[in-house]
Amino acid sequence: MTTTHSLTRGAQVPQVARQAAVPRRSRGPWARRAPLLPALVFMIVVTQLPFVGTVVISFMRWNALSPGNRGFAGLRNYQEAVTDPQLRSSLLTTVALTATVVLVSLSLGLGLALLLDRKFRGRSIVRTMLITPFLVVPVASALLWKHALYNATYGLINGALTWVWSLFGSHNAPQPDWLSSLPLMSVEASLVWQWTPFMMLILLAGLQSRPMDAVEAARVDGASTWQVFRYLTFPHLRRYLELASLLGTIYVVQNFDAVFTLTGGGLGTTNLPYTVYETFYQAHDYGQASAEGVIVVLCSLLVATFALRTVSSLLREETR
């Protein structure tokens, strides 16, 4: 009798412990997430509420030059933005600027990453020097290119042309005004200089994560350097190339500093962010500018969606 009672009591103890552990486990996720709530609330207040306000203003008729004519405009601002020839021109300029900067930066970044993947004396110093352009403030970078490089009187590029021509005994070196003769290419060159280190870092991380046993086996079998790159290295870097190009596209599409500082949006260099700036600060049409800003954000979100998918695929491959 006593034995049966003790067995029954022993069987009830794990059941009571399990019942007591159920609410403790259910409180676990909330206990871990509670410290993140202040940061989440702060992020929503700082980022999402201004965007919601921008969306609301985009449906309003609001021009500071006519304060009495304010009201609900519906989709009129979006219709004018879509049919505006200046916005379509800035869209084409943005596509050309972004595609050129991303492709050239990606190609140069790949070459630099392949060089830095090799061991040589002073590699850490060279790596630090190559990363430096990405750490420069965008406005400072644009000012550096505008005055120290592109200036027709004392710029480094024209000075180099004068020096090269003097080696051949000529004193009539060409002194072009780069910002006037090649405005869009000048903006693209400054952005390529700034974003190549970013591409290099991502691709260098991809190179250092490749399986070296397969590379060594291929070299033992007699594969050349080009064959190793073509059949092993490049397929491994495909995800990293996609990630670098998508992230670069997101940032370059939103670039405003280089266009504003170098050309002031003139000579066919006006992109979408500068068009929004002109509509807001020069035309004082807040509703129209808000609609154009929403369109820019939607385009950026479209690219960001592909970037997030690429990142998630990379994380899934790392966890396998």
C-alpha atoms as a PDB file:
ATOM      1  CA  MET A   1       0.000   0.000   0.000  1.00  0.00           C
ATOM      2  CA  THR A   2       2.789   2.372   0.928  1.00  0.00           C
ATOM      3  CA  THR A   3       4.775   1.354  -2.136  1.00  0.00           C
ATOM      4  CA  THR A   4       1.819   2.014  -4.439  1.00  0.00           C
ATOM      5  CA  HIS A   5       1.255   5.444  -2.868  1.00  0.00           C
ATOM      6  CA  SER A   6       4.914   6.370  -3.254  1.00  0.00           C
ATOM      7  CA  LEU A   7       4.923   5.315  -6.895  1.00  0.00           C
ATOM      8  CA  THR A   8       1.818   7.365  -7.575  1.00  0.00           C
ATOM      9  CA  ARG A   9       3.308  10.349  -5.815  1.00  0.00           C
ATOM     10  CA  GLY A  10       6.557   9.968  -7.764  1.00  0.00           C
ATOM     11  CA  ALA A  11       4.652   9.883 -11.031  1.00  0.00           C
ATOM     12  CA  GLN A  12       2.840  13.091 -10.141  1.00  0.00           C
ATOM     13  CA  VAL A  13       6.042  15.048  -9.440  1.00  0.00           C
ATOM     14  CA  PRO A  14       7.254  15.268 -13.097  1.00  0.00           C
ATOM     15  CA  GLN A  15       3.727  16.180 -14.174  1.00  0.00           C
ATOM     16  CA  VAL A  16       3.573  19.067 -11.674  1.00  0.00           C
ATOM     17  CA  ALA A  17       7.047  20.178 -12.749  1.00  0.00           C
ATOM     18  CA  ARG A  18       5.983  20.171 -16.374  1.00  0.00           C
ATOM     19  CA  GLN A  19       2.878  22.217 -15.578  1.00  0.00           C
ATOM     20  CA  ALA A  20       4.998  24.739 -13.687  1.00  0.00           C
ATOM     21  CA  ALA A  21       7.491  24.937 -16.559  1.00  0.00           C
ATOM     22  CA  VAL A  22       4.864  25.709 -19.208  1.00  0.00           C
ATOM     23  CA  PRO A  23       4.210  29.350 -18.234  1.00  0.00           C
ATOM     24  CA  ARG A  24       7.941  29.830 -17.613  1.00  0.00           C
ATOM     25  CA  ARG A  25       8.721  28.749 -21.173  1.00  0.00           C
ATOM     26  CA  SER A  26       5.866  30.847 -22.543  1.00  0.00           C
ATOM     27  CA  ARG A  27       7.287  33.901 -20.780  1.00  0.00           C
ATOM     28  CA  GLY A  28      10.770  33.194 -22.140  1.00  0.00           C
ATOM     29  CA  PRO A  29      10.470  34.794 -25.628  1.00  0.00           C
ATOM     30  CA  TRP A  30       8.831  37.936 -24.240  1.00  0.00           C
ATOM     31  CA  ALA A  31      11.485  38.196 -21.528  1.00  0.00           C
ATOM     32  CA  ARG A  32      14.199  38.066 -24.190  1.00  0.00           C
ATOM     33  CA  ARG A  33      12.467  40.533 -26.517  1.00  0.00           C
ATOM     34  CA  ALA A  34      11.442  43.086 -23.895  1.00  0.00           C
ATOM     35  CA  PRO A  35      14.871  44.837 -23.803  1.00  0.00           C
ATOM     36  CA  LEU A  36      14.586  45.373 -27.566  1.00  0.00           C
ATOM     37  CA  LEU A  37      11.255  47.207 -27.354  1.00  0.00           C
ATOM     38  CA  PRO A  38      12.748  50.679 -26.589  1.00  0.00           C
ATOM     39  CA  ALA A  39      15.044  50.384 -29.605  1.00  0.00           C
ATOM     40  CA  LEU A  40      12.110  49.240 -31.763  1.00  0.00           C
ATOM     41  CA  VAL A  41       9.941  52.141 -30.615  1.00  0.00           C
ATOM     42  CA  PHE A  42      12.794  54.592 -31.243  1.00  0.00           C
ATOM     43  CA  MET A  43      13.356  53.197 -34.756  1.00  0.00           C
ATOM     44  CA  ILE A  44       9.643  53.483 -35.578  1.00  0.00           C
ATOM     45  CA  VAL A  45       9.499  57.078 -34.321  1.00  0.00           C
ATOM     46  CA  VAL A  46      12.641  58.126 -36.171  1.00  0.00           C
ATOM     47  CA  THR A  47      12.142  56.312 -39.489  1.00  0.00           C
ATOM     48  CA  GLN A  48       8.546  55.246 -40.010  1.00  0.00           C
ATOM     49  CA  LEU A  49       6.585  58.223 -38.711  1.00  0.00           C
ATOM     50  CA  PRO A  50       8.373  60.721 -41.027  1.00  0.00           C
ATOM     51  CA  PHE A  51       7.717  58.411 -43.968  1.00  0.00           C
ATOM     52  CA  VAL A  52       4.031  58.158 -43.031  1.00  0.00           C
ATOM     53  CA  GLY A  53       3.924  61.950 -42.864  1.00  0.00           C
ATOM     54  CA  THR A  54       5.546  62.141 -46.308  1.00  0.00           C
ATOM     55  CA  VAL A  55       2.931  59.768 -47.729  1.00  0.00           C
ATOM     56  CA  VAL A  56       0.120  61.871 -46.258  1.00  0.00           C
ATOM     57  CA  ILE A  57       1.567  65.115 -47.661  1.00  0.00           C
ATOM     58  CA  SER A  58       1.977  63.473 -51.084  1.00  0.00           C
ATOM     59  CA  PHE A  59      -1.820  63.343 -51.380  1.00  0.00           C
ATOM     60  CA  MET A  60      -2.197  67.030 -50.548  1.00  0.00           C
ATOM     61  CA  ARG A  61      -2.148  70.205 -52.618  1.00  0.00           C
ATOM     62  CA  TRP A  62       0.475  72.182 -50.709  1.00  0.00           C
ATOM     63  CA  ASN A  63       2.647  74.893 -52.210  1.00  0.00           C
ATOM     64  CA  ALA A  64       4.312  77.479 -49.978  1.00  0.00           C
ATOM     65  CA  LEU A  65       4.000  80.114 -52.726  1.00  0.00           C
ATOM     66  CA  SER A  66       0.183  79.879 -52.537  1.00  0.00           C
ATOM     67  CA  PRO A  67      -0.659  79.114 -48.897  1.00  0.00           C
ATOM     68  CA  GLY A  68      -4.365  79.688 -49.393  1.00  0.00           C
ATOM     69  CA  ASN A  69      -4.648  76.918 -51.986  1.00  0.00           C
ATOM     70  CA  ARG A  70      -4.113  73.954 -49.700  1.00  0.00           C
ATOM     71  CA  GLY A  71      -6.229  70.821 -49.606  1.00  0.00           C
ATOM     72  CA  PHE A  72      -6.629  67.212 -50.617  1.00  0.00           C
ATOM     73  CA  ALA A  73      -5.334  66.497 -54.142  1.00  0.00           C
ATOM     74  CA  GLY A  74      -5.786  62.747 -54.425  1.00  0.00           C
ATOM     75  CA  LEU A  75      -3.464  61.156 -56.961  1.00  0.00           C
ATOM     76  CA  ARG A  76      -2.814  64.402 -58.857  1.00  0.00           C
ATOM     77  CA  ASN A  77       0.728  64.758 -57.500  1.00  0.00           C
ATOM     78  CA  TYR A  78       1.592  61.228 -58.577  1.00  0.00           C
ATOM     79  CA  GLN A  79       0.066  61.774 -62.014  1.00  0.00           C
ATOM     80  CA  GLU A  80       2.109  64.940 -62.495  1.00  0.00           C
ATOM     81  CA  ALA A  81       5.238  63.166 -61.273  1.00  0.00           C
ATOM     82  CA  VAL A  82       4.789  60.306 -63.735  1.00  0.00           C
ATOM     83  CA  THR A  83       4.003  62.585 -66.672  1.00  0.00           C
ATOM     84  CA  ASP A  84       6.703  65.167 -65.855  1.00  0.00           C
ATOM     85  CA  PRO A  85       9.387  65.067 -68.593  1.00  0.00           C
ATOM     86  CA  GLN A  86      12.004  66.407 -66.165  1.00  0.00           C
ATOM     87  CA  LEU A  87      11.375  63.513 -63.783  1.00  0.00           C
ATOM     88  CA  ARG A  88      11.610  61.002 -66.636  1.00  0.00           C
ATOM     89  CA  SER A  89      14.895  62.572 -67.719  1.00  0.00           C
ATOM     90  CA  SER A  90      16.249  62.408 -64.167  1.00  0.00           C
ATOM     91  CA  LEU A  91      15.115  58.780 -63.971  1.00  0.00           C
ATOM     92  CA  LEU A  92      17.138  57.901 -67.080  1.00  0.00           C
ATOM     93  CA  THR A  93      20.115  59.798 -65.676  1.00  0.00           C
ATOM     94  CA  THR A  94      19.785  57.916 -62.388  1.00  0.00           C
ATOM     95  CA  VAL A  95      19.702  54.562 -64.189  1.00  0.00           C
ATOM     96  CA  ALA A  96      22.753  55.414 -66.306  1.00  0.00           C
ATOM     97  CA  LEU A  97      24.668  56.826 -63.325  1.00  0.00           C
ATOM     98  CA  THR A  98      23.845  53.878 -61.072  1.00  0.00           C
ATOM     99  CA  ALA A  99      24.577  51.192 -63.656  1.00  0.00           C
ATOM    100  CA  THR A 100      27.926  52.718 -64.621  1.00  0.00           C
ATOM    101  CA  VAL A 101      29.102  53.265 -61.047  1.00  0.00           C
ATOM    102  CA  VAL A 102      28.039  49.818 -59.841  1.00  0.00           C
ATOM    103  CA  LEU A 103      29.508  47.890 -62.791  1.00  0.00           C
ATOM    104  CA  VAL A 104      32.837  49.742 -62.820  1.00  0.00           C
ATOM    105  CA  SER A 105      33.160  49.626 -59.021  1.00  0.00           C
ATOM    106  CA  LEU A 106      32.321  45.933 -59.019  1.00  0.00           C
ATOM    107  CA  SER A 107      34.937  45.159 -61.674  1.00  0.00           C
ATOM    108  CA  LEU A 108      37.654  47.178 -59.944  1.00  0.00           C
ATOM    109  CA  GLY A 109      36.662  45.764 -56.562  1.00  0.00           C
ATOM    110  CA  LEU A 110      36.934  42.222 -57.894  1.00  0.00           C
ATOM    111  CA  GLY A 111      40.413  42.876 -59.250  1.00  0.00           C
ATOM    112  CA  LEU A 112      41.588  44.461 -55.999  1.00  0.00           C
ATOM    113  CA  ALA A 113      40.062  41.646 -53.943  1.00  0.00           C
ATOM    114  CA  LEU A 114      41.917  39.047 -56.027  1.00  0.00           C
ATOM    115  CA  LEU A 115      45.167  40.945 -55.470  1.00  0.00           C
ATOM    116  CA  LEU A 116      44.626  41.315 -51.724  1.00  0.00           C
ATOM    117  CA  ASP A 117      43.747  37.638 -51.418  1.00  0.00           C
ATOM    118  CA  ARG A 118      47.413  36.858 -52.150  1.00  0.00           C
ATOM    119  CA  LYS A 119      50.044  37.057 -49.418  1.00  0.00           C
ATOM    120  CA  PHE A 120      52.690  39.743 -49.864  1.00  0.00           C
ATOM    121  CA  ARG A 121      54.678  42.073 -47.654  1.00  0.00           C
ATOM    122  CA  GLY A 122      52.705  45.097 -46.483  1.00  0.00           C
ATOM    123  CA  ARG A 123      49.305  43.648 -47.401  1.00  0.00           C
ATOM    124  CA  SER A 124      47.618  45.058 -44.283  1.00  0.00           C
ATOM    125  CA  ILE A 125      48.904  48.562 -45.062  1.00  0.00           C
ATOM    126  CA  VAL A 126      47.751  48.339 -48.681  1.00  0.00           C
ATOM    127  CA  ARG A 127      44.351  47.065 -47.568  1.00  0.00           C
ATOM    128  CA  THR A 128      43.937  49.972 -45.153  1.00  0.00           C
ATOM    129  CA  MET A 129      44.904  52.497 -47.836  1.00  0.00           C
ATOM    130  CA  LEU A 130      42.447  50.992 -50.309  1.00  0.00           C
ATOM    131  CA  ILE A 131      39.616  51.120 -47.781  1.00  0.00           C
ATOM    132  CA  THR A 132      40.253  54.792 -46.970  1.00  0.00           C
ATOM    133  CA  PRO A 133      38.164  56.337 -49.835  1.00  0.00           C
ATOM    134  CA  PHE A 134      35.045  54.617 -48.513  1.00  0.00           C
ATOM    135  CA  LEU A 135      35.589  56.210 -45.085  1.00  0.00           C
ATOM    136  CA  VAL A 136      35.724  59.765 -46.442  1.00  0.00           C
ATOM    137  CA  VAL A 137      32.589  61.861 -45.915  1.00  0.00           C
ATOM    138  CA  PRO A 138      30.663  62.009 -49.240  1.00  0.00           C
ATOM    139  CA  VAL A 139      30.617  65.822 -49.359  1.00  0.00           C
ATOM    140  CA  ALA A 140      34.340  65.959 -48.580  1.00  0.00           C
ATOM    141  CA  SER A 141      34.979  63.394 -51.301  1.00  0.00           C
ATOM    142  CA  ALA A 142      33.043  65.466 -53.840  1.00  0.00           C
ATOM    143  CA  LEU A 143      34.869  68.650 -52.818  1.00  0.00           C
ATOM    144  CA  LEU A 144      38.188  66.844 -53.142  1.00  0.00           C
ATOM    145  CA  TRP A 145      37.411  65.796 -56.696  1.00  0.00           C
ATOM    146  CA  LYS A 146      35.975  69.187 -57.617  1.00  0.00           C
ATOM    147  CA  HIS A 147      38.904  71.324 -56.459  1.00  0.00           C
ATOM    148  CA  ALA A 148      41.940  69.067 -56.137  1.00  0.00           C
ATOM    149  CA  LEU A 149      41.420  66.983 -59.288  1.00  0.00           C
ATOM    150  CA  TYR A 150      38.978  68.567 -61.736  1.00  0.00           C
ATOM    151  CA  ASN A 151      39.918  72.226 -61.427  1.00  0.00           C
ATOM    152  CA  ALA A 152      41.079  73.496 -64.809  1.00  0.00           C
ATOM    153  CA  THR A 153      43.668  75.873 -63.316  1.00  0.00           C
ATOM    154  CA  TYR A 154      45.363  73.995 -60.496  1.00  0.00           C
ATOM    155  CA  GLY A 155      43.758  70.526 -60.609  1.00  0.00           C
ATOM    156  CA  LEU A 156      45.889  67.413 -60.382  1.00  0.00           C
ATOM    157  CA  ILE A 157      44.595  65.916 -63.646  1.00  0.00           C
ATOM    158  CA  ASN A 158      45.476  68.934 -65.770  1.00  0.00           C
ATOM    159  CA  GLY A 159      48.761  69.245 -63.889  1.00  0.00           C
ATOM    160  CA  ALA A 160      49.581  65.647 -64.803  1.00  0.00           C
ATOM    161  CA  LEU A 161      48.739  66.398 -68.448  1.00  0.00           C
ATOM    162  CA  THR A 162      51.081  69.393 -68.382  1.00  0.00           C
ATOM    163  CA  TRP A 163      53.877  67.271 -66.918  1.00  0.00           C
ATOM    164  CA  VAL A 164      53.425  64.478 -69.500  1.00  0.00           C
ATOM    165  CA  TRP A 165      53.427  66.966 -72.393  1.00  0.00           C
ATOM    166  CA  SER A 166      56.566  68.608 -70.990  1.00  0.00           C
ATOM    167  CA  LEU A 167      58.392  65.275 -71.178  1.00  0.00           C
ATOM    168  CA  PHE A 168      58.028  65.476 -74.957  1.00  0.00           C
ATOM    169  CA  GLY A 169      59.126  69.121 -75.098  1.00  0.00           C
ATOM    170  CA  SER A 170      55.652  70.589 -75.540  1.00  0.00           C
ATOM    171  CA  HIS A 171      54.169  73.408 -73.504  1.00  0.00           C
ATOM    172  CA  ASN A 172      50.703  73.320 -75.081  1.00  0.00           C
ATOM    173  CA  ALA A 173      49.117  70.562 -72.999  1.00  0.00           C
ATOM    174  CA  PRO A 174      45.316  70.342 -73.146  1.00  0.00           C
ATOM    175  CA  GLN A 175      43.634  71.873 -70.121  1.00  0.00           C
ATOM    176  CA  PRO A 176      39.983  70.819 -70.376  1.00  0.00           C
ATOM    177  CA  ASP A 177      37.323  71.849 -67.904  1.00  0.00           C
ATOM    178  CA  TRP A 178      36.232  68.357 -66.912  1.00  0.00           C
ATOM    179  CA  LEU A 179      33.037  69.344 -65.120  1.00  0.00           C
ATOM    180  CA  SER A 180      31.836  71.267 -68.185  1.00  0.00           C
ATOM    181  CA  SER A 181      32.989  68.929 -70.941  1.00  0.00           C
ATOM    182  CA  LEU A 182      32.260  65.569 -69.230  1.00  0.00           C
ATOM    183  CA  PRO A 183      29.875  66.340 -66.360  1.00  0.00           C
ATOM    184  CA  LEU A 184      28.182  62.960 -65.951  1.00  0.00           C
ATOM    185  CA  MET A 185      31.440  61.054 -66.325  1.00  0.00           C
ATOM    186  CA  SER A 186      33.042  63.312 -63.730  1.00  0.00           C
ATOM    187  CA  VAL A 187      30.313  62.482 -61.215  1.00  0.00           C
ATOM    188  CA  GLU A 188      30.624  58.785 -62.046  1.00  0.00           C
ATOM    189  CA  ALA A 189      34.412  58.809 -61.545  1.00  0.00           C
ATOM    190  CA  SER A 190      34.111  60.359 -58.078  1.00  0.00           C
ATOM    191  CA  LEU A 191      31.484  57.796 -57.056  1.00  0.00           C
ATOM    192  CA  VAL A 192      33.529  54.904 -58.459  1.00  0.00           C
ATOM    193  CA  TRP A 193      36.492  56.054 -56.359  1.00  0.00           C
ATOM    194  CA  GLN A 194      34.274  56.101 -53.289  1.00  0.00           C
ATOM    195  CA  TRP A 195      32.408  52.802 -53.770  1.00  0.00           C
ATOM    196  CA  THR A 196      35.145  50.526 -55.128  1.00  0.00           C
ATOM    197  CA  PRO A 197      36.461  49.787 -51.584  1.00  0.00           C
ATOM    198  CA  PHE A 198      32.958  48.743 -50.525  1.00  0.00           C
ATOM    199  CA  MET A 199      32.766  46.221 -53.354  1.00  0.00           C
ATOM    200  CA  MET A 200      36.308  45.062 -52.607  1.00  0.00           C
ATOM    201  CA  LEU A 201      35.498  44.313 -48.957  1.00  0.00           C
ATOM    202  CA  ILE A 202      32.455  42.197 -49.792  1.00  0.00           C
ATOM    203  CA  LEU A 203      34.256  40.232 -52.512  1.00  0.00           C
ATOM    204  CA  LEU A 204      37.351  39.789 -50.342  1.00  0.00           C
ATOM    205  CA  ALA A 205      35.167  38.268 -47.627  1.00  0.00           C
ATOM    206  CA  GLY A 206      33.744  35.910 -50.254  1.00  0.00           C
ATOM    207  CA  LEU A 207      37.216  34.915 -51.433  1.00  0.00           C
ATOM    208  CA  GLN A 208      38.362  34.133 -47.905  1.00  0.00           C
ATOM    209  CA  SER A 209      35.328  31.914 -47.314  1.00  0.00           C
ATOM    210  CA  ARG A 210      35.849  29.645 -50.329  1.00  0.00           C
ATOM    211  CA  PRO A 211      36.918  26.011 -49.693  1.00  0.00           C
ATOM    212  CA  MET A 212      40.666  25.921 -50.287  1.00  0.00           C
ATOM    213  CA  ASP A 213      40.827  22.112 -50.458  1.00  0.00           C
ATOM    214  CA  ALA A 214      38.962  22.181 -53.785  1.00  0.00           C
ATOM    215  CA  VAL A 215      41.325  24.872 -55.113  1.00  0.00           C
ATOM    216  CA  GLU A 216      44.399  22.905 -54.049  1.00  0.00           C
ATOM    217  CA  ALA A 217      42.984  19.722 -55.595  1.00  0.00           C
ATOM    218  CA  ALA A 218      42.366  21.542 -58.885  1.00  0.00           C
ATOM    219  CA  ARG A 219      45.920  22.856 -58.927  1.00  0.00           C
ATOM    220  CA  VAL A 220      47.290  19.393 -58.223  1.00  0.00           C
ATOM    221  CA  ASP A 221      45.292  18.116 -61.207  1.00  0.00           C
ATOM    222  CA  GLY A 222      47.009  20.721 -63.404  1.00  0.00           C
ATOM    223  CA  ALA A 223      44.357  23.452 -63.603  1.00  0.00           C
ATOM    224  CA  SER A 224      45.642  26.881 -64.572  1.00  0.00           C
ATOM    225  CA  THR A 225      44.970  30.085 -62.636  1.00  0.00           C
ATOM    226  CA  TRP A 226      42.306  31.136 -65.150  1.00  0.00           C
ATOM    227  CA  GLN A 227      40.577  27.738 -64.929  1.00  0.00           C
ATOM    228  CA  VAL A 228      40.556  27.880 -61.125  1.00  0.00           C
ATOM    229  CA  PHE A 229      39.010  31.350 -61.280  1.00  0.00           C
ATOM    230  CA  ARG A 230      36.473  30.443 -63.943  1.00  0.00           C
ATOM    231  CA  TYR A 231      35.221  27.122 -62.585  1.00  0.00           C
ATOM    232  CA  LEU A 232      35.757  27.495 -58.814  1.00  0.00           C
ATOM    233  CA  THR A 233      36.286  31.067 -57.662  1.00  0.00           C
ATOM    234  CA  PHE A 234      33.761  32.885 -59.851  1.00  0.00           C
ATOM    235  CA  PRO A 235      30.831  30.478 -59.158  1.00  0.00           C
ATOM    236  CA  HIS A 236      31.574  30.774 -55.449  1.00  0.00           C
ATOM    237  CA  LEU A 237      31.559  34.585 -55.693  1.00  0.00           C
ATOM    238  CA  ARG A 238      28.266  34.751 -57.584  1.00  0.00           C
ATOM    239  CA  ARG A 239      26.174  35.411 -54.457  1.00  0.00           C
ATOM    240  CA  TYR A 240      28.674  37.972 -53.187  1.00  0.00           C
ATOM    241  CA  LEU A 241      28.684  39.725 -56.547  1.00  0.00           C
ATOM    242  CA  GLU A 242      24.901  39.917 -56.456  1.00  0.00           C
ATOM    243  CA  LEU A 243      24.927  41.222 -52.890  1.00  0.00           C
ATOM    244  CA  ALA A 244      27.559  43.871 -53.630  1.00  0.00           C
ATOM    245  CA  SER A 245      25.770  45.058 -56.764  1.00  0.00           C
ATOM    246  CA  LEU A 246      22.377  45.255 -55.035  1.00  0.00           C
ATOM    247  CA  LEU A 247      23.678  47.100 -51.974  1.00  0.00           C
ATOM    248  CA  GLY A 248      25.690  49.447 -54.185  1.00  0.00           C
ATOM    249  CA  THR A 249      22.602  50.121 -56.272  1.00  0.00           C
ATOM    250  CA  ILE A 250      20.564  51.028 -53.187  1.00  0.00           C
ATOM    251  CA  TYR A 251      23.114  53.595 -52.045  1.00  0.00           C
ATOM    252  CA  VAL A 252      24.031  55.058 -55.443  1.00  0.00           C
ATOM    253  CA  VAL A 253      20.373  55.537 -56.419  1.00  0.00           C
ATOM    254  CA  GLN A 254      19.962  57.748 -53.348  1.00  0.00           C
ATOM    255  CA  ASN A 255      23.168  59.717 -53.946  1.00  0.00           C
ATOM    256  CA  PHE A 256      22.745  63.461 -53.670  1.00  0.00           C
ATOM    257  CA  ASP A 257      26.080  64.808 -52.427  1.00  0.00           C
ATOM    258  CA  ALA A 258      28.146  64.263 -55.566  1.00  0.00           C
ATOM    259  CA  VAL A 259      25.582  65.741 -57.954  1.00  0.00           C
ATOM    260  CA  PHE A 260      24.909  68.749 -55.721  1.00  0.00           C
ATOM    261  CA  THR A 261      28.574  69.490 -55.014  1.00  0.00           C
ATOM    262  CA  LEU A 262      30.159  68.826 -58.412  1.00  0.00           C
ATOM    263  CA  THR A 263      27.625  70.069 -60.957  1.00  0.00           C
ATOM    264  CA  GLY A 264      24.698  71.491 -58.998  1.00  0.00           C
ATOM    265  CA  GLY A 265      22.370  69.272 -61.020  1.00  0.00           C
ATOM    266  CA  GLY A 266      23.227  71.029 -64.275  1.00  0.00           C
ATOM    267  CA  LEU A 267      24.496  69.758 -67.634  1.00  0.00           C
ATOM    268  CA  GLY A 268      22.313  66.666 -67.643  1.00  0.00           C
ATOM    269  CA  THR A 269      23.401  65.275 -64.256  1.00  0.00           C
ATOM    270  CA  THR A 270      20.124  65.743 -62.386  1.00  0.00           C
ATOM    271  CA  ASN A 271      19.115  62.482 -60.731  1.00  0.00           C
ATOM    272  CA  LEU A 272      16.002  61.584 -58.752  1.00  0.00           C
ATOM    273  CA  PRO A 273      17.147  62.821 -55.308  1.00  0.00           C
ATOM    274  CA  TYR A 274      18.232  66.151 -56.805  1.00  0.00           C
ATOM    275  CA  THR A 275      14.880  66.481 -58.584  1.00  0.00           C
ATOM    276  CA  VAL A 276      13.118  66.036 -55.237  1.00  0.00           C
ATOM    277  CA  TYR A 277      15.414  68.698 -53.770  1.00  0.00           C
ATOM    278  CA  GLU A 278      14.577  71.154 -56.584  1.00  0.00           C
ATOM    279  CA  THR A 279      10.846  70.572 -56.227  1.00  0.00           C
ATOM    280  CA  PHE A 280      10.927  71.055 -52.466  1.00  0.00           C
ATOM    281  CA  TYR A 281      13.443  73.852 -51.902  1.00  0.00           C
ATOM    282  CA  GLN A 282      13.202  75.786 -55.165  1.00  0.00           C
ATOM    283  CA  ALA A 283       9.616  75.287 -56.339  1.00  0.00           C
ATOM    284  CA  HIS A 284       8.367  74.996 -52.709  1.00  0.00           C
ATOM    285  CA  ASP A 285       5.809  72.405 -53.835  1.00  0.00           C
ATOM    286  CA  TYR A 286       5.720  70.163 -50.795  1.00  0.00           C
ATOM    287  CA  GLY A 287       3.007  67.841 -52.067  1.00  0.00           C
ATOM    288  CA  GLN A 288       4.722  67.233 -55.407  1.00  0.00           C
ATOM    289  CA  ALA A 289       8.107  66.753 -53.731  1.00  0.00           C
ATOM    290  CA  SER A 290       6.611  64.255 -51.279  1.00  0.00           C
ATOM    291  CA  ALA A 291       5.100  62.253 -54.146  1.00  0.00           C
ATOM    292  CA  GLU A 292       8.451  62.175 -55.937  1.00  0.00           C
ATOM    293  CA  GLY A 293      10.155  61.129 -52.698  1.00  0.00           C
ATOM    294  CA  VAL A 294       7.723  58.262 -52.234  1.00  0.00           C
ATOM    295  CA  ILE A 295       8.471  57.090 -55.778  1.00  0.00           C
ATOM    296  CA  VAL A 296      12.216  57.132 -55.018  1.00  0.00           C
ATOM    297  CA  VAL A 297      11.652  55.164 -51.807  1.00  0.00           C
ATOM    298  CA  LEU A 298       9.548  52.568 -53.625  1.00  0.00           C
ATOM    299  CA  CYS A 299      12.275  52.093 -56.232  1.00  0.00           C
ATOM    300  CA  SER A 300      14.836  51.665 -53.451  1.00  0.00           C
ATOM    301  CA  LEU A 301      12.610  49.166 -51.640  1.00  0.00           C
ATOM    302  CA  LEU A 302      12.274  47.155 -54.840  1.00  0.00           C
ATOM    303  CA  VAL A 303      16.034  46.788 -55.050  1.00  0.00           C
ATOM    304  CA  ALA A 304      16.331  46.211 -51.291  1.00  0.00           C
ATOM    305  CA  THR A 305      13.941  43.265 -51.529  1.00  0.00           C
ATOM    306  CA  PHE A 306      16.296  41.470 -53.897  1.00  0.00           C
ATOM    307  CA  ALA A 307      19.225  42.376 -51.636  1.00  0.00           C
ATOM    308  CA  LEU A 308      17.520  40.849 -48.597  1.00  0.00           C
ATOM    309  CA  ARG A 309      16.767  37.676 -50.537  1.00  0.00           C
ATOM    310  CA  THR A 310      20.403  37.421 -51.520  1.00  0.00           C
ATOM    311  CA  VAL A 311      21.533  37.918 -47.922  1.00  0.00           C
ATOM    312  CA  SER A 312      19.114  35.259 -46.662  1.00  0.00           C
ATOM    313  CA  SER A 313      20.345  32.798 -49.292  1.00  0.00           C
ATOM    314  CA  LEU A 314      23.940  33.468 -48.210  1.00  0.00           C
ATOM    315  CA  LEU A 315      23.015  32.841 -44.558  1.00  0.00           C
ATOM    316  CA  ARG A 316      21.268  29.590 -45.476  1.00  0.00           C
ATOM    317  CA  GLU A 317      24.356  28.418 -47.327  1.00  0.00           C
ATOM    318  CA  GLU A 318      26.582  29.272 -44.331  1.00  0.00           C
ATOM    319  CA  THR A 319      24.399  27.276 -41.917  1.00  0.00           C
ATOM    320  CA  ARG A 320      24.450  24.122 -44.020  1.00  0.00           C
END
